[in-house]
Amino acid sequence: MAPIKSIEYFRVPPRWLFVKITDENGNYGWGEATLESHTQAVEGCLEFYKSEIENIWQTAWRKHFYCGGAVFMSALSGIDTALWDMKGRKLGVPIYELLGGKVRDKIKVYAWIVRHLDQKADDEERQQRLDAGFTCVKMNATADLGWLDSPAALQTSVDRLETVKKMGLDVGAD
C-alpha cells in the first residue's frame, strides 16, 4: 500500500462525520466516524492522528494511558473502515470479501423519517417512504430527544408508532 497522502473529514448535518483517506497514488477509501452529538470531538481526534498512519490501531491504542472511549473509537473506526475500503477498491472486491465473505444474501433496509411538528407533514413523509418501496422506517418517536418524563409524553410516542404501523410500515426497535 502506498503511503497515505491525506485524511479528510466531512461533517454532514445534523450528525454525521465521514472520513476520506487518499494515498500518494490517488487511491482512496471512505469511512464513517459518526458519534452522536460529538462530531467536533471526533474531528479533533482525527486531526491528532493524521500524522500517525503507520500501524494506526496499535500506535493509537497503545500511545495513551486511557485507551478507548467513544470519541477515540469513533475516529479509529472511520480511519479503519476507510483503509479497508481503499484496499477493497484497489483489489476490486467489496469489503465483506476482505473480512471473510458475506454472511447473508439480503438485508432489510429502512428509511429515516424526520420528526415534523406538523402531523400533515409527518403523514406525507411516511407516505413518500411507502411509495418509494420501503417497508421499514427508523425515526424518533418523540418530539425532541429529551426524556419521556410523563405518561403523556410516552403516550404521544406510542400514538406516533401506532400511526406508522397502521400505514403498513414496520418500525425497528433498536
N, C-alpha and C. Protein backbone atom coordinates (compact mmCIF):
# COMPACT_ATOMS: atom_id res chain seq x y z
N MET A 1 0.85 -1.17 0.00
CA MET A 1 0.00 0.00 0.00
C MET A 1 0.90 1.24 0.00
N ALA A 2 0.55 2.19 -0.84
CA ALA A 2 1.31 3.44 -0.92
C ALA A 2 1.12 4.26 0.35
N PRO A 3 2.07 5.10 0.67
CA PRO A 3 1.92 5.97 1.85
C PRO A 3 0.67 6.85 1.74
N ILE A 4 0.12 7.16 2.90
CA ILE A 4 -1.07 8.00 2.96
C ILE A 4 -0.70 9.44 2.63
N LYS A 5 -1.46 10.04 1.73
CA LYS A 5 -1.25 11.44 1.37
C LYS A 5 -2.12 12.36 2.23
N SER A 6 -3.38 11.96 2.44
CA SER A 6 -4.27 12.85 3.19
C SER A 6 -5.38 12.09 3.89
N ILE A 7 -5.81 12.67 5.00
CA ILE A 7 -7.03 12.24 5.69
C ILE A 7 -7.91 13.48 5.75
N GLU A 8 -9.08 13.37 5.14
CA GLU A 8 -10.04 14.48 5.17
C GLU A 8 -11.28 14.00 5.90
N TYR A 9 -11.97 14.92 6.51
CA TYR A 9 -13.24 14.55 7.13
C TYR A 9 -14.29 15.57 6.74
N PHE A 10 -15.51 15.07 6.66
CA PHE A 10 -16.63 15.87 6.16
C PHE A 10 -17.79 15.73 7.13
N ARG A 11 -18.16 16.84 7.75
CA ARG A 11 -19.31 16.85 8.64
C ARG A 11 -20.56 17.09 7.81
N VAL A 12 -21.54 16.22 7.97
CA VAL A 12 -22.80 16.33 7.25
C VAL A 12 -23.91 16.50 8.28
N PRO A 13 -24.49 17.69 8.35
CA PRO A 13 -25.54 17.93 9.35
C PRO A 13 -26.72 16.97 9.15
N PRO A 14 -27.39 16.56 10.20
CA PRO A 14 -27.23 17.12 11.53
C PRO A 14 -26.19 16.40 12.39
N ARG A 15 -25.75 15.17 12.02
CA ARG A 15 -24.90 14.46 12.99
C ARG A 15 -23.85 13.54 12.40
N TRP A 16 -23.62 13.52 11.11
CA TRP A 16 -22.71 12.54 10.54
C TRP A 16 -21.32 13.10 10.30
N LEU A 17 -20.34 12.21 10.34
CA LEU A 17 -18.96 12.57 10.05
C LEU A 17 -18.34 11.46 9.20
N PHE A 18 -17.87 11.82 8.01
CA PHE A 18 -17.27 10.86 7.10
C PHE A 18 -15.79 11.16 6.94
N VAL A 19 -15.00 10.11 6.74
CA VAL A 19 -13.56 10.21 6.60
C VAL A 19 -13.17 9.73 5.20
N LYS A 20 -12.32 10.48 4.53
CA LYS A 20 -11.78 10.05 3.24
C LYS A 20 -10.26 10.02 3.36
N ILE A 21 -9.69 8.86 3.07
CA ILE A 21 -8.24 8.70 3.08
C ILE A 21 -7.78 8.50 1.65
N THR A 22 -6.77 9.25 1.25
CA THR A 22 -6.20 9.16 -0.10
C THR A 22 -4.72 8.84 0.02
N ASP A 23 -4.24 7.88 -0.81
CA ASP A 23 -2.81 7.58 -0.77
C ASP A 23 -2.08 8.37 -1.86
N GLU A 24 -0.77 8.23 -1.89
CA GLU A 24 0.04 9.01 -2.82
C GLU A 24 -0.19 8.64 -4.28
N ASN A 25 -0.82 7.48 -4.53
CA ASN A 25 -1.14 7.07 -5.90
C ASN A 25 -2.54 7.51 -6.33
N GLY A 26 -3.25 8.21 -5.45
CA GLY A 26 -4.59 8.67 -5.78
C GLY A 26 -5.69 7.71 -5.41
N ASN A 27 -5.35 6.55 -4.85
CA ASN A 27 -6.38 5.62 -4.38
C ASN A 27 -7.02 6.21 -3.13
N TYR A 28 -8.30 5.92 -2.93
CA TYR A 28 -8.99 6.49 -1.77
C TYR A 28 -9.97 5.49 -1.19
N GLY A 29 -10.36 5.75 0.03
CA GLY A 29 -11.38 4.96 0.71
C GLY A 29 -12.17 5.85 1.65
N TRP A 30 -13.41 5.44 1.89
CA TRP A 30 -14.31 6.20 2.75
C TRP A 30 -14.64 5.40 4.00
N GLY A 31 -14.80 6.11 5.11
CA GLY A 31 -15.25 5.51 6.35
C GLY A 31 -16.19 6.47 7.06
N GLU A 32 -16.92 5.94 8.03
CA GLU A 32 -17.82 6.78 8.82
C GLU A 32 -17.30 6.83 10.24
N ALA A 33 -17.23 8.03 10.80
CA ALA A 33 -16.73 8.22 12.16
C ALA A 33 -17.76 8.95 13.02
N THR A 34 -19.02 8.73 12.74
CA THR A 34 -20.09 9.46 13.41
C THR A 34 -20.19 9.06 14.88
N LEU A 35 -20.35 10.06 15.72
CA LEU A 35 -20.64 9.85 17.13
C LEU A 35 -21.67 10.91 17.50
N GLU A 36 -22.86 10.49 17.77
CA GLU A 36 -23.99 11.38 18.05
C GLU A 36 -23.58 12.53 18.96
N SER A 37 -23.77 13.74 18.47
CA SER A 37 -23.54 14.98 19.22
C SER A 37 -22.07 15.27 19.54
N HIS A 38 -21.15 14.50 18.97
CA HIS A 38 -19.73 14.70 19.29
C HIS A 38 -18.85 14.75 18.05
N THR A 39 -19.38 15.20 16.91
CA THR A 39 -18.58 15.18 15.68
C THR A 39 -17.35 16.06 15.79
N GLN A 40 -17.44 17.19 16.48
CA GLN A 40 -16.27 18.07 16.59
C GLN A 40 -15.16 17.40 17.41
N ALA A 41 -15.52 16.67 18.43
CA ALA A 41 -14.51 15.96 19.21
C ALA A 41 -13.84 14.88 18.37
N VAL A 42 -14.62 14.16 17.57
CA VAL A 42 -14.05 13.13 16.70
C VAL A 42 -13.13 13.78 15.66
N GLU A 43 -13.55 14.94 15.11
CA GLU A 43 -12.69 15.65 14.16
C GLU A 43 -11.34 15.99 14.81
N GLY A 44 -11.36 16.43 16.04
CA GLY A 44 -10.13 16.74 16.74
C GLY A 44 -9.24 15.52 16.89
N CYS A 45 -9.86 14.39 17.19
CA CYS A 45 -9.11 13.15 17.32
C CYS A 45 -8.52 12.74 15.97
N LEU A 46 -9.29 12.88 14.90
CA LEU A 46 -8.79 12.57 13.56
C LEU A 46 -7.62 13.47 13.20
N GLU A 47 -7.74 14.74 13.53
CA GLU A 47 -6.67 15.69 13.23
C GLU A 47 -5.38 15.29 13.97
N PHE A 48 -5.54 14.87 15.20
CA PHE A 48 -4.39 14.47 16.01
C PHE A 48 -3.66 13.28 15.41
N TYR A 49 -4.42 12.31 14.89
CA TYR A 49 -3.82 11.08 14.38
C TYR A 49 -3.43 11.13 12.90
N LYS A 50 -3.65 12.25 12.24
CA LYS A 50 -3.31 12.35 10.82
C LYS A 50 -1.86 11.99 10.54
N SER A 51 -0.97 12.36 11.42
CA SER A 51 0.45 12.14 11.17
C SER A 51 0.93 10.76 11.62
N GLU A 52 0.04 9.96 12.18
CA GLU A 52 0.44 8.66 12.71
C GLU A 52 -0.28 7.52 12.01
N ILE A 53 -0.19 7.47 10.70
CA ILE A 53 -0.91 6.46 9.95
C ILE A 53 -0.28 5.08 10.11
N GLU A 54 1.05 5.00 10.19
CA GLU A 54 1.71 3.71 10.33
C GLU A 54 1.16 2.97 11.55
N ASN A 55 0.72 1.77 11.33
CA ASN A 55 0.19 0.94 12.41
C ASN A 55 -0.83 1.70 13.25
N ILE A 56 -1.78 2.33 12.58
CA ILE A 56 -2.69 3.26 13.24
C ILE A 56 -3.36 2.67 14.47
N TRP A 57 -3.86 1.44 14.36
CA TRP A 57 -4.55 0.86 15.51
C TRP A 57 -3.60 0.67 16.68
N GLN A 58 -2.47 0.02 16.42
CA GLN A 58 -1.55 -0.27 17.52
C GLN A 58 -0.93 1.00 18.09
N THR A 59 -0.52 1.89 17.21
CA THR A 59 0.09 3.14 17.68
C THR A 59 -0.92 3.94 18.50
N ALA A 60 -2.10 4.11 17.95
CA ALA A 60 -3.11 4.92 18.63
C ALA A 60 -3.59 4.25 19.92
N TRP A 61 -3.77 2.95 19.88
CA TRP A 61 -4.31 2.24 21.04
C TRP A 61 -3.33 2.23 22.20
N ARG A 62 -2.07 2.05 21.92
CA ARG A 62 -1.07 1.91 22.99
C ARG A 62 -0.42 3.21 23.41
N LYS A 63 -0.66 4.28 22.67
CA LYS A 63 0.06 5.53 22.92
C LYS A 63 -0.39 6.22 24.21
N HIS A 64 -1.62 6.04 24.60
CA HIS A 64 -2.17 6.79 25.72
C HIS A 64 -2.52 5.88 26.89
N PHE A 65 -2.48 6.44 28.06
CA PHE A 65 -2.84 5.70 29.26
C PHE A 65 -4.30 5.27 29.22
N TYR A 66 -5.19 6.20 28.84
CA TYR A 66 -6.62 5.89 28.77
C TYR A 66 -6.94 5.43 27.35
N CYS A 67 -7.06 4.14 27.17
CA CYS A 67 -7.33 3.58 25.84
C CYS A 67 -8.84 3.53 25.61
N GLY A 68 -9.22 3.67 24.37
CA GLY A 68 -10.62 3.53 24.01
C GLY A 68 -11.42 4.79 24.26
N GLY A 69 -12.68 4.59 24.54
CA GLY A 69 -13.59 5.71 24.71
C GLY A 69 -14.32 5.97 23.40
N ALA A 70 -15.49 6.54 23.50
CA ALA A 70 -16.36 6.71 22.33
C ALA A 70 -15.76 7.62 21.27
N VAL A 71 -15.17 8.74 21.65
CA VAL A 71 -14.60 9.67 20.67
C VAL A 71 -13.44 9.01 19.95
N PHE A 72 -12.53 8.46 20.71
CA PHE A 72 -11.35 7.80 20.15
C PHE A 72 -11.74 6.66 19.22
N MET A 73 -12.64 5.79 19.68
CA MET A 73 -13.02 4.63 18.89
C MET A 73 -13.79 5.03 17.64
N SER A 74 -14.58 6.09 17.70
CA SER A 74 -15.29 6.57 16.51
C SER A 74 -14.29 7.06 15.46
N ALA A 75 -13.28 7.80 15.90
CA ALA A 75 -12.24 8.27 14.97
C ALA A 75 -11.50 7.09 14.35
N LEU A 76 -11.08 6.14 15.17
CA LEU A 76 -10.36 4.98 14.65
C LEU A 76 -11.24 4.14 13.73
N SER A 77 -12.51 4.03 14.05
CA SER A 77 -13.43 3.28 13.21
C SER A 77 -13.51 3.89 11.82
N GLY A 78 -13.61 5.21 11.76
CA GLY A 78 -13.65 5.89 10.46
C GLY A 78 -12.39 5.66 9.66
N ILE A 79 -11.23 5.75 10.32
CA ILE A 79 -9.96 5.52 9.64
C ILE A 79 -9.85 4.07 9.19
N ASP A 80 -10.17 3.14 10.08
CA ASP A 80 -10.06 1.72 9.77
C ASP A 80 -10.95 1.34 8.59
N THR A 81 -12.19 1.79 8.61
CA THR A 81 -13.12 1.48 7.52
C THR A 81 -12.64 2.09 6.21
N ALA A 82 -12.13 3.31 6.25
CA ALA A 82 -11.62 3.95 5.03
C ALA A 82 -10.44 3.18 4.46
N LEU A 83 -9.55 2.68 5.32
CA LEU A 83 -8.41 1.90 4.84
C LEU A 83 -8.86 0.58 4.23
N TRP A 84 -9.84 -0.10 4.85
CA TRP A 84 -10.39 -1.32 4.27
C TRP A 84 -11.07 -1.02 2.94
N ASP A 85 -11.80 0.08 2.87
CA ASP A 85 -12.47 0.47 1.63
C ASP A 85 -11.45 0.72 0.53
N MET A 86 -10.37 1.41 0.87
CA MET A 86 -9.32 1.69 -0.11
C MET A 86 -8.73 0.38 -0.64
N LYS A 87 -8.45 -0.55 0.26
CA LYS A 87 -7.88 -1.83 -0.16
C LYS A 87 -8.85 -2.59 -1.05
N GLY A 88 -10.11 -2.60 -0.67
CA GLY A 88 -11.12 -3.28 -1.48
C GLY A 88 -11.24 -2.68 -2.87
N ARG A 89 -11.21 -1.37 -2.96
CA ARG A 89 -11.28 -0.69 -4.26
C ARG A 89 -10.08 -1.06 -5.12
N LYS A 90 -8.88 -1.08 -4.51
CA LYS A 90 -7.68 -1.42 -5.27
C LYS A 90 -7.71 -2.86 -5.77
N LEU A 91 -8.27 -3.77 -4.97
CA LEU A 91 -8.35 -5.17 -5.36
C LEU A 91 -9.59 -5.49 -6.18
N GLY A 92 -10.52 -4.54 -6.24
CA GLY A 92 -11.76 -4.76 -6.98
C GLY A 92 -12.74 -5.70 -6.30
N VAL A 93 -12.70 -5.72 -4.97
CA VAL A 93 -13.62 -6.58 -4.22
C VAL A 93 -14.30 -5.78 -3.12
N PRO A 94 -15.51 -6.17 -2.73
CA PRO A 94 -16.17 -5.48 -1.62
C PRO A 94 -15.48 -5.79 -0.29
N ILE A 95 -15.64 -4.89 0.66
CA ILE A 95 -15.01 -5.07 1.97
C ILE A 95 -15.39 -6.40 2.60
N TYR A 96 -16.64 -6.84 2.44
CA TYR A 96 -17.04 -8.08 3.10
C TYR A 96 -16.20 -9.26 2.63
N GLU A 97 -15.70 -9.24 1.40
CA GLU A 97 -14.82 -10.32 0.94
C GLU A 97 -13.49 -10.28 1.69
N LEU A 98 -12.99 -9.10 1.96
CA LEU A 98 -11.73 -8.97 2.70
C LEU A 98 -11.88 -9.42 4.15
N LEU A 99 -13.09 -9.33 4.67
CA LEU A 99 -13.35 -9.67 6.07
C LEU A 99 -13.87 -11.08 6.26
N GLY A 100 -13.77 -11.91 5.21
CA GLY A 100 -14.14 -13.32 5.37
C GLY A 100 -15.35 -13.77 4.58
N GLY A 101 -15.97 -12.90 3.81
CA GLY A 101 -17.10 -13.29 2.98
C GLY A 101 -18.43 -12.85 3.56
N LYS A 102 -19.44 -12.88 2.69
CA LYS A 102 -20.75 -12.42 3.15
C LYS A 102 -21.41 -13.47 4.02
N VAL A 103 -22.25 -13.02 4.90
CA VAL A 103 -22.92 -13.92 5.84
C VAL A 103 -24.42 -14.00 5.60
N ARG A 104 -24.94 -13.21 4.67
CA ARG A 104 -26.36 -13.28 4.32
C ARG A 104 -26.52 -12.83 2.88
N ASP A 105 -27.62 -13.25 2.26
CA ASP A 105 -27.88 -12.90 0.87
C ASP A 105 -28.66 -11.61 0.71
N LYS A 106 -29.38 -11.24 1.75
CA LYS A 106 -30.13 -9.99 1.68
C LYS A 106 -30.29 -9.43 3.08
N ILE A 107 -30.52 -8.13 3.13
CA ILE A 107 -30.79 -7.48 4.40
C ILE A 107 -31.98 -6.55 4.21
N LYS A 108 -32.68 -6.33 5.27
CA LYS A 108 -33.80 -5.41 5.23
C LYS A 108 -33.26 -3.99 5.39
N VAL A 109 -33.64 -3.11 4.49
CA VAL A 109 -33.21 -1.72 4.59
C VAL A 109 -34.37 -0.87 5.10
N TYR A 110 -34.03 0.24 5.67
CA TYR A 110 -35.05 1.14 6.18
C TYR A 110 -34.76 2.55 5.72
N ALA A 111 -35.76 3.39 5.82
CA ALA A 111 -35.61 4.81 5.50
C ALA A 111 -35.80 5.60 6.79
N TRP A 112 -35.14 6.72 6.86
CA TRP A 112 -35.26 7.60 8.01
C TRP A 112 -36.46 8.51 7.81
N ILE A 113 -37.20 8.74 8.88
CA ILE A 113 -38.30 9.70 8.87
C ILE A 113 -37.97 10.81 9.86
N VAL A 114 -37.96 12.02 9.36
CA VAL A 114 -37.71 13.19 10.20
C VAL A 114 -38.93 13.45 11.07
N ARG A 115 -38.72 13.94 12.27
CA ARG A 115 -39.84 14.28 13.15
C ARG A 115 -40.33 15.67 12.80
N HIS A 116 -41.55 15.74 12.28
CA HIS A 116 -42.16 17.03 11.97
C HIS A 116 -43.11 17.41 13.10
N LEU A 117 -43.20 18.68 13.39
CA LEU A 117 -44.16 19.13 14.40
C LEU A 117 -45.56 19.17 13.83
N ASP A 118 -45.66 19.17 12.54
CA ASP A 118 -46.94 19.22 11.83
C ASP A 118 -47.35 17.79 11.44
N GLN A 119 -48.52 17.35 11.88
CA GLN A 119 -48.99 15.99 11.62
C GLN A 119 -49.11 15.71 10.12
N LYS A 120 -49.58 16.70 9.35
CA LYS A 120 -49.73 16.51 7.90
C LYS A 120 -48.38 16.24 7.24
N ALA A 121 -47.35 16.98 7.62
CA ALA A 121 -46.01 16.77 7.07
C ALA A 121 -45.48 15.39 7.46
N ASP A 122 -45.76 14.97 8.69
CA ASP A 122 -45.38 13.63 9.14
C ASP A 122 -46.02 12.56 8.26
N ASP A 123 -47.34 12.69 8.05
CA ASP A 123 -48.07 11.72 7.23
C ASP A 123 -47.54 11.69 5.80
N GLU A 124 -47.25 12.86 5.24
CA GLU A 124 -46.74 12.93 3.86
C GLU A 124 -45.38 12.25 3.74
N GLU A 125 -44.53 12.45 4.72
CA GLU A 125 -43.21 11.82 4.65
C GLU A 125 -43.30 10.30 4.77
N ARG A 126 -44.17 9.82 5.64
CA ARG A 126 -44.37 8.37 5.74
C ARG A 126 -44.88 7.81 4.43
N GLN A 127 -45.83 8.50 3.80
CA GLN A 127 -46.37 8.04 2.53
C GLN A 127 -45.30 8.03 1.44
N GLN A 128 -44.43 9.02 1.45
CA GLN A 128 -43.32 9.05 0.48
C GLN A 128 -42.43 7.82 0.64
N ARG A 129 -42.19 7.41 1.86
CA ARG A 129 -41.35 6.22 2.09
C ARG A 129 -42.04 4.97 1.57
N LEU A 130 -43.34 4.86 1.82
CA LEU A 130 -44.09 3.72 1.28
C LEU A 130 -44.07 3.73 -0.25
N ASP A 131 -44.30 4.88 -0.84
CA ASP A 131 -44.31 5.00 -2.30
C ASP A 131 -42.95 4.65 -2.91
N ALA A 132 -41.89 4.89 -2.16
CA ALA A 132 -40.54 4.58 -2.64
C ALA A 132 -40.20 3.09 -2.48
N GLY A 133 -41.12 2.33 -1.87
CA GLY A 133 -40.92 0.90 -1.74
C GLY A 133 -40.37 0.43 -0.40
N PHE A 134 -40.20 1.34 0.54
CA PHE A 134 -39.70 0.94 1.85
C PHE A 134 -40.81 0.30 2.65
N THR A 135 -40.45 -0.71 3.45
CA THR A 135 -41.41 -1.37 4.32
C THR A 135 -41.06 -1.16 5.80
N CYS A 136 -39.92 -0.54 6.05
CA CYS A 136 -39.47 -0.32 7.42
C CYS A 136 -38.87 1.08 7.53
N VAL A 137 -39.09 1.73 8.66
CA VAL A 137 -38.54 3.06 8.88
C VAL A 137 -37.83 3.12 10.23
N LYS A 138 -36.94 4.08 10.33
CA LYS A 138 -36.30 4.41 11.60
C LYS A 138 -36.67 5.86 11.87
N MET A 139 -36.96 6.16 13.11
CA MET A 139 -37.44 7.50 13.43
C MET A 139 -37.31 7.77 14.91
N ASN A 140 -37.42 9.03 15.26
CA ASN A 140 -37.59 9.40 16.66
C ASN A 140 -39.09 9.45 16.91
N ALA A 141 -39.52 8.71 17.89
CA ALA A 141 -40.95 8.71 18.20
C ALA A 141 -41.34 9.91 19.05
N THR A 142 -40.36 10.60 19.56
CA THR A 142 -40.62 11.74 20.44
C THR A 142 -40.46 13.06 19.69
N ALA A 143 -41.04 14.10 20.24
CA ALA A 143 -40.95 15.42 19.62
C ALA A 143 -39.53 15.97 19.70
N ASP A 144 -38.81 15.63 20.74
CA ASP A 144 -37.42 16.04 20.86
C ASP A 144 -36.63 14.86 21.41
N LEU A 145 -35.37 15.05 21.69
CA LEU A 145 -34.55 13.95 22.16
C LEU A 145 -34.40 13.92 23.67
N GLY A 146 -35.33 14.55 24.36
CA GLY A 146 -35.28 14.57 25.82
C GLY A 146 -35.87 13.29 26.40
N TRP A 147 -35.98 13.29 27.71
CA TRP A 147 -36.54 12.15 28.43
C TRP A 147 -38.04 12.07 28.22
N LEU A 148 -38.57 10.86 28.26
CA LEU A 148 -40.02 10.67 28.31
C LEU A 148 -40.38 10.82 29.79
N ASP A 149 -40.69 12.04 30.17
CA ASP A 149 -40.79 12.36 31.59
C ASP A 149 -42.21 12.37 32.14
N SER A 150 -43.16 11.90 31.34
CA SER A 150 -44.53 11.86 31.83
C SER A 150 -45.31 10.81 31.06
N PRO A 151 -46.41 10.34 31.62
CA PRO A 151 -47.26 9.40 30.88
C PRO A 151 -47.75 9.99 29.56
N ALA A 152 -48.01 11.29 29.53
CA ALA A 152 -48.48 11.94 28.30
C ALA A 152 -47.40 11.90 27.22
N ALA A 153 -46.15 12.13 27.58
CA ALA A 153 -45.05 12.08 26.61
C ALA A 153 -44.89 10.66 26.07
N LEU A 154 -45.02 9.69 26.93
CA LEU A 154 -44.94 8.29 26.50
C LEU A 154 -46.10 7.95 25.57
N GLN A 155 -47.30 8.40 25.90
CA GLN A 155 -48.47 8.11 25.08
C GLN A 155 -48.34 8.74 23.69
N THR A 156 -47.78 9.94 23.61
CA THR A 156 -47.57 10.59 22.32
C THR A 156 -46.67 9.73 21.44
N SER A 157 -45.64 9.16 22.02
CA SER A 157 -44.73 8.28 21.27
C SER A 157 -45.44 7.01 20.82
N VAL A 158 -46.22 6.42 21.71
CA VAL A 158 -46.98 5.21 21.36
C VAL A 158 -47.94 5.52 20.22
N ASP A 159 -48.63 6.65 20.30
CA ASP A 159 -49.58 7.04 19.24
C ASP A 159 -48.87 7.20 17.90
N ARG A 160 -47.70 7.81 17.91
CA ARG A 160 -46.96 8.02 16.65
C ARG A 160 -46.54 6.68 16.06
N LEU A 161 -46.07 5.78 16.89
CA LEU A 161 -45.67 4.45 16.41
C LEU A 161 -46.87 3.68 15.87
N GLU A 162 -48.00 3.78 16.53
CA GLU A 162 -49.21 3.10 16.05
C GLU A 162 -49.64 3.64 14.69
N THR A 163 -49.53 4.95 14.49
CA THR A 163 -49.88 5.55 13.20
C THR A 163 -48.99 5.00 12.09
N VAL A 164 -47.71 4.89 12.37
CA VAL A 164 -46.76 4.36 11.38
C VAL A 164 -47.11 2.91 11.06
N LYS A 165 -47.39 2.10 12.07
CA LYS A 165 -47.72 0.69 11.85
C LYS A 165 -49.02 0.54 11.06
N LYS A 166 -50.01 1.40 11.33
CA LYS A 166 -51.29 1.33 10.60
C LYS A 166 -51.11 1.63 9.12
N MET A 167 -50.09 2.41 8.79
CA MET A 167 -49.82 2.73 7.38
C MET A 167 -49.16 1.57 6.66
N GLY A 168 -48.75 0.55 7.40
CA GLY A 168 -48.11 -0.61 6.78
C GLY A 168 -46.60 -0.60 6.85
N LEU A 169 -46.04 0.29 7.66
CA LEU A 169 -44.59 0.34 7.81
C LEU A 169 -44.18 -0.37 9.10
N ASP A 170 -43.09 -1.08 9.04
CA ASP A 170 -42.51 -1.68 10.23
C ASP A 170 -41.58 -0.65 10.86
N VAL A 171 -41.41 -0.73 12.16
CA VAL A 171 -40.52 0.19 12.86
C VAL A 171 -39.48 -0.64 13.59
N GLY A 172 -38.21 -0.40 13.29
CA GLY A 172 -37.15 -1.09 14.00
C GLY A 172 -37.03 -0.55 15.41
N ALA A 173 -36.98 -1.43 16.37
CA ALA A 173 -36.86 -1.00 17.77
C ALA A 173 -35.44 -1.29 18.24
N ASP A 174 -34.49 -0.48 17.77
CA ASP A 174 -33.10 -0.69 18.17
C ASP A 174 -32.55 0.51 18.88
